[in-house]
Amino acid sequence: MTAPKSLSRSPLSIVGGTTIVSSLLTVQTPGRGFTDLTADVAKFVRDAGATEGAVTLFVRHTSASLTIQENADPTVLVDLTTALDRLAPENAGWRHDTEGPDDMPAHVKTLLTATSLHIPVLRSELALGTWQAIYLIEHRARAHRREIVLQFVGAIQ
């Protein structure tokens, strides 16, 4: 016997005209760790006049990445950093170390995470969950200047 489904869905939202709005976000990181970009991306959506569609983020680097993670408890980010360090430690005998011992581990961490994110925009707001935030993850030990391409595709006001 199949269990009854408990589902609901909002009414359809149909976008007539499609517009593309782009911007380049430059972030100075303090070094290894997470930088919250949520407010910056929300401002981009507001400035674009976005109503319905999606925003894409793309980081233009191979030793930094993007993620959506919990924003309520900062120990989550500490534990995620620990997990990534365990998966790609500096002392693993990497051959590629052109820019130092954190160079190859940074590339591996980027491989394990993401270089782009796609977030729906509904009624002019990012459709993030209650405890979700958008983060740039710096995988290198020293500070870096990182560029993130922001692009909204959809309907504007």
Protein backbone atom coordinates (compact mmCIF):
# COMPACT_ATOMS: atom_id res chain seq x y z
CA MET A 1 0.00 0.00 0.00
CA THR A 2 1.32 3.44 -0.91
CA ALA A 3 1.24 6.18 1.72
CA PRO A 4 -0.81 9.26 0.80
CA LYS A 5 1.23 12.24 -0.31
CA SER A 6 1.24 15.40 1.75
CA LEU A 7 2.19 18.10 -0.74
CA SER A 8 1.25 21.65 -1.54
CA ARG A 9 2.36 24.06 -4.22
CA SER A 10 1.97 27.81 -4.62
CA PRO A 11 0.18 29.25 -7.66
CA LEU A 12 2.25 29.52 -10.83
CA SER A 13 4.21 32.69 -11.49
CA ILE A 14 4.61 33.41 -15.19
CA VAL A 15 7.35 35.77 -16.39
CA GLY A 16 6.56 37.51 -19.66
CA GLY A 17 9.60 39.61 -20.54
CA THR A 18 13.07 38.42 -19.66
CA THR A 19 15.87 40.80 -18.76
CA ILE A 20 19.49 40.06 -17.87
CA VAL A 21 21.22 42.29 -15.31
CA SER A 22 24.90 41.72 -14.48
CA SER A 23 27.41 43.11 -12.02
CA LEU A 24 30.86 42.27 -10.71
CA LEU A 25 31.21 41.99 -6.92
CA THR A 26 34.76 42.40 -5.61
CA VAL A 27 35.49 41.01 -2.15
CA GLN A 28 38.67 41.42 -0.13
CA THR A 29 38.95 38.29 2.01
CA PRO A 30 40.87 38.25 5.30
CA GLY A 31 42.30 34.83 4.44
CA ARG A 32 40.98 31.31 5.01
CA GLY A 33 37.32 31.25 6.02
CA PHE A 34 33.78 32.18 5.11
CA THR A 35 32.57 35.64 4.00
CA ASP A 36 28.81 36.21 4.10
CA LEU A 37 27.60 37.66 0.78
CA THR A 38 23.85 37.43 1.43
CA ALA A 39 23.24 41.15 2.02
CA ASP A 40 25.35 42.07 -1.03
CA VAL A 41 23.43 39.67 -3.29
CA ALA A 42 20.07 40.87 -1.89
CA LYS A 43 21.12 44.48 -2.62
CA PHE A 44 22.04 43.49 -6.19
CA VAL A 45 18.56 41.96 -6.61
CA ARG A 46 16.94 45.15 -5.26
CA ASP A 47 19.14 47.43 -7.40
CA ALA A 48 18.29 45.35 -10.48
CA GLY A 49 14.58 45.83 -9.79
CA ALA A 50 14.20 42.05 -9.94
CA THR A 51 10.71 40.63 -9.39
CA GLU A 52 10.70 36.99 -10.58
CA GLY A 53 13.60 34.95 -11.94
CA ALA A 54 16.95 33.73 -10.68
CA VAL A 55 20.30 35.14 -9.65
CA THR A 56 23.51 33.30 -10.49
CA LEU A 57 26.82 33.84 -8.70
CA PHE A 58 30.08 32.71 -10.28
CA VAL A 59 33.47 33.04 -8.56
CA ARG A 60 36.30 33.71 -11.03
CA HIS A 61 39.01 31.83 -9.13
CA THR A 62 40.26 28.27 -8.66
CA SER A 63 41.16 28.52 -4.97
CA ALA A 64 37.94 30.04 -3.62
CA SER A 65 34.36 28.82 -3.84
CA LEU A 66 30.72 29.54 -3.06
CA THR A 67 28.20 27.78 -0.84
CA ILE A 68 24.82 28.16 0.82
CA GLN A 69 25.02 27.18 4.47
CA GLU A 70 23.51 27.79 7.89
CA ASN A 71 23.80 31.33 9.21
CA ALA A 72 22.48 30.85 12.76
CA ASP A 73 25.32 29.03 14.51
CA PRO A 74 28.87 30.17 13.61
CA THR A 75 30.31 26.83 14.80
CA VAL A 76 28.84 25.28 11.63
CA LEU A 77 31.33 27.30 9.57
CA VAL A 78 34.18 26.33 11.90
CA ASP A 79 33.27 22.65 11.55
CA LEU A 80 32.99 22.95 7.77
CA THR A 81 36.47 24.48 7.65
CA THR A 82 37.75 21.58 9.77
CA ALA A 83 36.09 19.07 7.44
CA LEU A 84 37.61 20.66 4.32
CA ASP A 85 41.04 20.76 6.00
CA ARG A 86 40.73 17.04 6.79
CA LEU A 87 39.72 16.23 3.21
CA ALA A 88 42.56 18.28 1.68
CA PRO A 89 45.35 18.77 4.23
CA GLU A 90 48.42 20.84 3.41
CA ASN A 91 50.84 18.03 4.29
CA ALA A 92 49.44 15.37 1.91
CA GLY A 93 52.47 15.31 -0.40
CA TRP A 94 50.97 17.44 -3.15
CA ARG A 95 53.24 18.06 -6.14
CA HIS A 96 51.64 21.38 -7.11
CA ASP A 97 52.85 23.96 -4.60
CA THR A 98 53.69 26.89 -6.86
CA GLU A 99 52.16 29.44 -4.50
CA GLY A 100 52.88 27.65 -1.23
CA PRO A 101 51.72 24.63 0.77
CA ASP A 102 48.07 25.79 0.78
CA ASP A 103 47.95 26.06 -3.05
CA MET A 104 46.92 22.52 -4.05
CA PRO A 105 44.67 21.94 -1.02
CA ALA A 106 42.81 25.13 -2.04
CA HIS A 107 42.20 23.71 -5.53
CA VAL A 108 40.92 20.42 -4.06
CA LYS A 109 38.56 22.29 -1.70
CA THR A 110 37.18 24.25 -4.65
CA LEU A 111 36.67 20.96 -6.52
CA LEU A 112 34.68 19.61 -3.54
CA THR A 113 32.49 22.70 -3.19
CA ALA A 114 31.13 24.95 -5.99
CA THR A 115 32.19 27.82 -8.22
CA SER A 116 28.63 28.90 -8.99
CA LEU A 117 25.25 29.13 -7.29
CA HIS A 118 21.76 29.56 -8.72
CA ILE A 119 19.14 31.09 -6.41
CA PRO A 120 15.49 31.71 -7.30
CA VAL A 121 14.08 35.21 -6.85
CA LEU A 122 10.41 35.24 -5.86
CA ARG A 123 8.41 38.43 -5.31
CA SER A 124 11.64 40.49 -5.42
CA GLU A 125 13.36 38.45 -2.68
CA LEU A 126 16.02 35.75 -2.64
CA ALA A 127 14.19 32.46 -2.04
CA LEU A 128 16.59 31.34 0.68
CA GLY A 129 15.45 29.27 3.63
CA THR A 130 15.20 30.77 7.12
CA TRP A 131 18.70 29.71 8.22
CA GLN A 132 20.46 29.92 4.85
CA ALA A 133 23.16 32.40 3.85
CA ILE A 134 25.37 32.78 0.78
CA TYR A 135 29.10 32.48 1.49
CA LEU A 136 32.34 32.97 -0.37
CA ILE A 137 34.85 30.43 0.96
CA GLU A 138 38.46 31.56 0.87
CA HIS A 139 40.65 28.45 0.78
CA ARG A 140 44.01 30.25 0.86
CA ALA A 141 45.76 31.26 4.11
CA ARG A 142 46.50 34.84 3.11
CA ALA A 143 44.07 37.59 2.12
CA HIS A 144 42.94 37.73 -1.50
CA ARG A 145 40.87 40.00 -3.72
CA ARG A 146 38.10 37.82 -5.20
CA GLU A 147 35.68 38.61 -8.02
CA ILE A 148 32.17 37.21 -8.19
CA VAL A 149 30.00 37.69 -11.25
CA LEU A 150 26.37 38.35 -10.29
CA GLN A 151 23.69 37.89 -12.92
CA PHE A 152 19.93 38.14 -12.60
CA VAL A 153 17.75 36.64 -15.34
CA GLY A 154 14.02 37.26 -15.24
CA ALA A 155 11.44 39.98 -14.91
CA ILE A 156 12.17 43.43 -13.51
CA GLN A 157 9.91 46.23 -12.26
